[in-house]
C-alpha atoms as a PDB file:
ATOM      1  CA  ALA A   1     -12.582  -6.786   3.828  1.00  0.00           C
ATOM      2  CA  SER A   2     -12.062 -10.184   5.400  1.00  0.00           C
ATOM      3  CA  LEU A   3     -13.938 -11.926   2.593  1.00  0.00           C
ATOM      4  CA  LEU A   4     -11.970 -10.021  -0.064  1.00  0.00           C
ATOM      5  CA  LYS A   5      -8.762 -11.103   1.607  1.00  0.00           C
ATOM      6  CA  ASN A   6      -9.641 -14.726   2.420  1.00  0.00           C
ATOM      7  CA  ASP A   7     -12.408 -15.870   0.061  1.00  0.00           C
ATOM      8  CA  GLU A   8     -13.274 -13.409  -2.681  1.00  0.00           C
ATOM      9  CA  THR A   9     -16.013 -15.665  -4.059  1.00  0.00           C
ATOM     10  CA  LYS A  10     -18.128 -15.097  -0.922  1.00  0.00           C
ATOM     11  CA  ALA A  11     -17.744 -11.298  -1.016  1.00  0.00           C
ATOM     12  CA  LEU A  12     -20.297  -9.003  -2.592  1.00  0.00           C
ATOM     13  CA  ALA A  13     -20.009  -8.439  -6.316  1.00  0.00           C
ATOM     14  CA  PRO A  14     -17.676  -5.508  -7.093  1.00  0.00           C
ATOM     15  CA  ALA A  15     -20.497  -3.225  -8.288  1.00  0.00           C
ATOM     16  CA  SER A  16     -22.697  -3.992  -5.259  1.00  0.00           C
ATOM     17  CA  LEU A  17     -19.840  -3.509  -2.828  1.00  0.00           C
ATOM     18  CA  GLN A  18     -18.855  -0.206  -4.432  1.00  0.00           C
ATOM     19  CA  LYS A  19     -22.467   1.007  -4.198  1.00  0.00           C
ATOM     20  CA  GLU A  20     -22.516   0.205  -0.462  1.00  0.00           C
ATOM     21  CA  LEU A  21     -19.160   1.889   0.051  1.00  0.00           C
ATOM     22  CA  ASN A  22     -20.306   5.001  -1.810  1.00  0.00           C
ATOM     23  CA  ASN A  23     -23.343   5.189   0.504  1.00  0.00           C
ATOM     24  CA  LEU A  24     -21.064   4.914   3.550  1.00  0.00           C
ATOM     25  CA  LEU A  25     -18.712   7.560   2.222  1.00  0.00           C
ATOM     26  CA  LYS A  26     -21.579   9.904   1.389  1.00  0.00           C
ATOM     27  CA  PHE A  27     -22.434  10.121   5.090  1.00  0.00           C
ATOM     28  CA  ASN A  28     -18.870   9.901   6.404  1.00  0.00           C
ATOM     29  CA  PRO A  29     -16.248  10.907   3.813  1.00  0.00           C
ATOM     30  CA  ASP A  30     -13.474  10.677   6.448  1.00  0.00           C
ATOM     31  CA  PHE A  31     -14.043   6.952   7.066  1.00  0.00           C
ATOM     32  CA  ALA A  32     -10.527   5.750   6.159  1.00  0.00           C
ATOM     33  CA  GLU A  33     -11.351   2.043   6.267  1.00  0.00           C
ATOM     34  CA  ALA A  34     -14.121   2.484   3.690  1.00  0.00           C
ATOM     35  CA  HIS A  35     -11.608   4.107   1.340  1.00  0.00           C
ATOM     36  CA  TYR A  36      -9.255   1.170   1.865  1.00  0.00           C
ATOM     37  CA  LEU A  37     -12.022  -1.325   1.128  1.00  0.00           C
ATOM     38  CA  SER A  38     -12.858   0.674  -2.001  1.00  0.00           C
ATOM     39  CA  TYR A  39      -9.175   0.377  -2.972  1.00  0.00           C
ATOM     40  CA  LEU A  40      -9.301  -3.417  -2.567  1.00  0.00           C
ATOM     41  CA  ASN A  41     -12.552  -3.598  -4.504  1.00  0.00           C
ATOM     42  CA  SER A  42     -11.101  -1.527  -7.356  1.00  0.00           C
ATOM     43  CA  LEU A  43      -8.105  -3.850  -7.528  1.00  0.00           C
ATOM     44  CA  ARG A  44     -10.507  -6.757  -8.077  1.00  0.00           C
ATOM     45  CA  VAL A  45     -11.761  -5.215 -11.311  1.00  0.00           C
ATOM     46  CA  GLN A  46      -8.332  -3.876 -12.359  1.00  0.00           C
ATOM     47  CA  ASP A  47      -9.475  -0.229 -12.224  1.00  0.00           C
ATOM     48  CA  VAL A  48      -6.218   1.698 -11.912  1.00  0.00           C
ATOM     49  CA  PHE A  49      -7.815   5.139 -11.574  1.00  0.00           C
ATOM     50  CA  SER A  50     -10.288   4.193  -8.817  1.00  0.00           C
ATOM     51  CA  SER A  51      -7.779   2.080  -6.917  1.00  0.00           C
ATOM     52  CA  THR A  52      -5.205   4.898  -6.923  1.00  0.00           C
ATOM     53  CA  HIS A  53      -7.861   7.429  -5.930  1.00  0.00           C
ATOM     54  CA  SER A  54      -9.096   5.258  -3.047  1.00  0.00           C
ATOM     55  CA  LEU A  55      -5.594   4.422  -1.813  1.00  0.00           C
ATOM     56  CA  LEU A  56      -4.611   8.089  -1.679  1.00  0.00           C
ATOM     57  CA  HIS A  57      -7.859   9.003   0.085  1.00  0.00           C
ATOM     58  CA  TYR A  58      -7.280   6.208   2.600  1.00  0.00           C
ATOM     59  CA  PHE A  59      -3.884   7.572   3.629  1.00  0.00           C
ATOM     60  CA  ASP A  60      -5.142  11.170   3.554  1.00  0.00           C
ATOM     61  CA  ARG A  61      -7.972  10.289   5.939  1.00  0.00           C
ATOM     62  CA  LEU A  62      -5.661   8.232   8.121  1.00  0.00           C
ATOM     63  CA  ILE A  63      -3.404  11.257   8.555  1.00  0.00           C
ATOM     64  CA  LEU A  64      -6.279  13.736   9.003  1.00  0.00           C
ATOM     65  CA  THR A  65      -8.034  11.712  11.676  1.00  0.00           C
ATOM     66  CA  GLY A  66      -4.820  10.891  13.519  1.00  0.00           C
ATOM     67  CA  ALA A  67      -6.021   7.301  13.902  1.00  0.00           C
ATOM     68  CA  GLU A  68      -2.704   5.908  12.766  1.00  0.00           C
ATOM     69  CA  SER A  69      -0.651   7.649  15.446  1.00  0.00           C
ATOM     70  CA  LYS A  70      -3.121   6.702  18.185  1.00  0.00           C
ATOM     71  CA  SER A  71      -3.124   3.041  17.240  1.00  0.00           C
ATOM     72  CA  ASN A  72       0.594   2.330  17.308  1.00  0.00           C
ATOM     73  CA  GLY A  73       2.304   5.105  19.211  1.00  0.00           C
ATOM     74  CA  ASP A  74       4.687   5.725  16.307  1.00  0.00           C
ATOM     75  CA  GLU A  75       5.664   9.206  15.098  1.00  0.00           C
ATOM     76  CA  GLY A  76       2.268   9.905  13.571  1.00  0.00           C
ATOM     77  CA  TYR A  77       1.767  10.829   9.945  1.00  0.00           C
ATOM     78  CA  GLY A  78       5.406  10.176   8.954  1.00  0.00           C
ATOM     79  CA  ARG A  79       4.738   6.459   9.119  1.00  0.00           C
ATOM     80  CA  SER A  80       1.606   6.867   7.012  1.00  0.00           C
ATOM     81  CA  LEU A  81       3.505   8.848   4.394  1.00  0.00           C
ATOM     82  CA  ARG A  82       6.206   6.249   3.874  1.00  0.00           C
ATOM     83  CA  TYR A  83       3.730   3.387   3.737  1.00  0.00           C
ATOM     84  CA  ALA A  84       1.518   5.399   1.388  1.00  0.00           C
ATOM     85  CA  ALA A  85       4.461   5.813  -0.982  1.00  0.00           C
ATOM     86  CA  LEU A  86       5.299   2.113  -0.647  1.00  0.00           C
ATOM     87  CA  ASN A  87       1.709   1.059  -1.381  1.00  0.00           C
ATOM     88  CA  LEU A  88       1.556   3.441  -4.327  1.00  0.00           C
ATOM     89  CA  ALA A  89       4.729   1.844  -5.707  1.00  0.00           C
ATOM     90  CA  ALA A  90       3.177  -1.616  -5.302  1.00  0.00           C
ATOM     91  CA  LEU A  91       0.008  -0.444  -7.038  1.00  0.00           C
ATOM     92  CA  HIS A  92       1.919   0.975 -10.014  1.00  0.00           C
ATOM     93  CA  CYS A  93       4.030  -2.168 -10.259  1.00  0.00           C
ATOM     94  CA  ARG A  94       0.899  -4.312 -10.267  1.00  0.00           C
ATOM     95  CA  PHE A  95      -0.518  -2.348 -13.204  1.00  0.00           C
ATOM     96  CA  GLY A  96       2.772  -2.361 -15.123  1.00  0.00           C
ATOM     97  CA  HIS A  97       3.637   1.312 -14.586  1.00  0.00           C
ATOM     98  CA  TYR A  98       7.255   0.593 -13.729  1.00  0.00           C
ATOM     99  CA  GLN A  99       8.646   4.120 -14.017  1.00  0.00           C
ATOM    100  CA  GLN A 100       5.978   5.509 -11.670  1.00  0.00           C
ATOM    101  CA  ALA A 101       6.541   2.557  -9.334  1.00  0.00           C
ATOM    102  CA  GLU A 102      10.247   3.308  -9.219  1.00  0.00           C
ATOM    103  CA  LEU A 103       9.626   6.972  -8.396  1.00  0.00           C
ATOM    104  CA  ALA A 104       7.173   6.128  -5.606  1.00  0.00           C
ATOM    105  CA  LEU A 105       9.571   3.512  -4.263  1.00  0.00           C
ATOM    106  CA  GLN A 106      12.439   6.025  -4.217  1.00  0.00           C
ATOM    107  CA  GLU A 107      10.229   8.362  -2.187  1.00  0.00           C
ATOM    108  CA  ALA A 108       9.315   5.586   0.265  1.00  0.00           C
ATOM    109  CA  ILE A 109      13.002   4.703   0.670  1.00  0.00           C
ATOM    110  CA  ARG A 110      13.955   8.335   1.261  1.00  0.00           C
ATOM    111  CA  ILE A 111      11.277   8.830   3.924  1.00  0.00           C
ATOM    112  CA  ALA A 112      12.052   5.484   5.598  1.00  0.00           C
ATOM    113  CA  GLN A 113      15.780   6.299   5.709  1.00  0.00           C
ATOM    114  CA  GLU A 114      15.076   9.695   7.268  1.00  0.00           C
ATOM    115  CA  SER A 115      13.020   8.083  10.021  1.00  0.00           C
ATOM    116  CA  ASN A 116      15.334   5.059  10.402  1.00  0.00           C
ATOM    117  CA  ASP A 117      12.484   2.608   9.721  1.00  0.00           C
ATOM    118  CA  HIS A 118      14.277  -0.655   8.930  1.00  0.00           C
ATOM    119  CA  ILE A 119      11.044  -2.617   8.511  1.00  0.00           C
ATOM    120  CA  CYS A 120       9.746  -0.255   5.831  1.00  0.00           C
ATOM    121  CA  LEU A 121      13.164  -0.300   4.165  1.00  0.00           C
ATOM    122  CA  GLN A 122      13.022  -4.095   3.979  1.00  0.00           C
ATOM    123  CA  HIS A 123       9.594  -3.936   2.370  1.00  0.00           C
ATOM    124  CA  CYS A 124      10.997  -1.357  -0.072  1.00  0.00           C
ATOM    125  CA  LEU A 125      13.910  -3.641  -0.847  1.00  0.00           C
ATOM    126  CA  SER A 126      11.510  -6.489  -1.576  1.00  0.00           C
ATOM    127  CA  TRP A 127       9.505  -4.302  -3.955  1.00  0.00           C
ATOM    128  CA  LEU A 128      12.706  -3.012  -5.499  1.00  0.00           C
ATOM    129  CA  TYR A 129      13.667  -6.607  -6.230  1.00  0.00           C
ATOM    130  CA  ILE A 130      10.248  -7.287  -7.789  1.00  0.00           C
ATOM    131  CA  LEU A 131      10.535  -4.130  -9.856  1.00  0.00           C
ATOM    132  CA  GLU A 132      14.054  -4.994 -10.984  1.00  0.00           C
ATOM    133  CA  GLN A 133      12.847  -8.470 -12.015  1.00  0.00           C
ATOM    134  CA  LYS A 134      10.328  -6.814 -14.297  1.00  0.00           C
ATOM    135  CA  ILE A 135      13.119  -4.807 -15.904  1.00  0.00           C
ATOM    136  CA  LEU A 136      16.190  -7.078 -15.669  1.00  0.00           C
ATOM    137  CA  ASP A 137      17.425 -10.207 -13.889  1.00  0.00           C
ATOM    138  CA  SER A 138      19.248  -9.568 -10.602  1.00  0.00           C
ATOM    139  CA  CYS A 139      19.996 -12.059  -7.826  1.00  0.00           C
ATOM    140  CA  VAL A 140      22.057  -9.666  -5.699  1.00  0.00           C
ATOM    141  CA  LEU A 141      19.001  -7.788  -4.428  1.00  0.00           C
ATOM    142  CA  LEU A 142      17.282 -11.021  -3.466  1.00  0.00           C
ATOM    143  CA  GLU A 143      20.281 -12.276  -1.496  1.00  0.00           C
ATOM    144  CA  HIS A 144      20.608  -8.938   0.308  1.00  0.00           C
ATOM    145  CA  SER A 145      16.878  -8.831   1.025  1.00  0.00           C
ATOM    146  CA  VAL A 146      16.846 -12.354   2.479  1.00  0.00           C
ATOM    147  CA  ASN A 147      19.840 -11.612   4.705  1.00  0.00           C
ATOM    148  CA  LYS A 148      18.325  -8.374   6.008  1.00  0.00           C
ATOM    149  CA  SER A 149      14.921  -9.987   6.501  1.00  0.00           C
ATOM    150  CA  LEU A 150      16.516 -12.731   8.583  1.00  0.00           C
ATOM    151  CA  HIS A 151      18.374 -10.087  10.608  1.00  0.00           C
ATOM    152  CA  PHE A 152      15.114  -8.252  11.431  1.00  0.00           C
ATOM    153  CA  GLY A 153      13.098 -11.453  11.928  1.00  0.00           C
ATOM    154  CA  LEU A 154      10.826 -10.805   8.942  1.00  0.00           C
ATOM    155  CA  PRO A 155       9.311 -13.654   6.930  1.00  0.00           C
END
């Protein structure tokens, strides 16, 4: 995962890495981090089906194992659900599925508003700006996003 993030040229080839991940998942299908690495690997080869499948399995396993709530003391699977919707929106936007991205982003915004998660809402606003740029030109969202990000101390 570190090599994929920092220096993709030193990572295993996509097919080799996927073979290793499939072996890991055969013995432990609830290993959330392996699903996430499979998601990253699928993004490398622009495989929309496998990347979506792996991303959804990652968040499913994260919720099932309860690892997410133990690690940060937050309200458990609610946080995973809103970030799952946000990541799904980003995935669809990356592959040019703008209508699906907008629907997933609306869901992430709704869940984040219900739980009063300002950080997630700022990330949603950033993705909303990116999505709007794909559809039409709008500077208002960018100005609002920068102001809110400064308020919350986000980069």
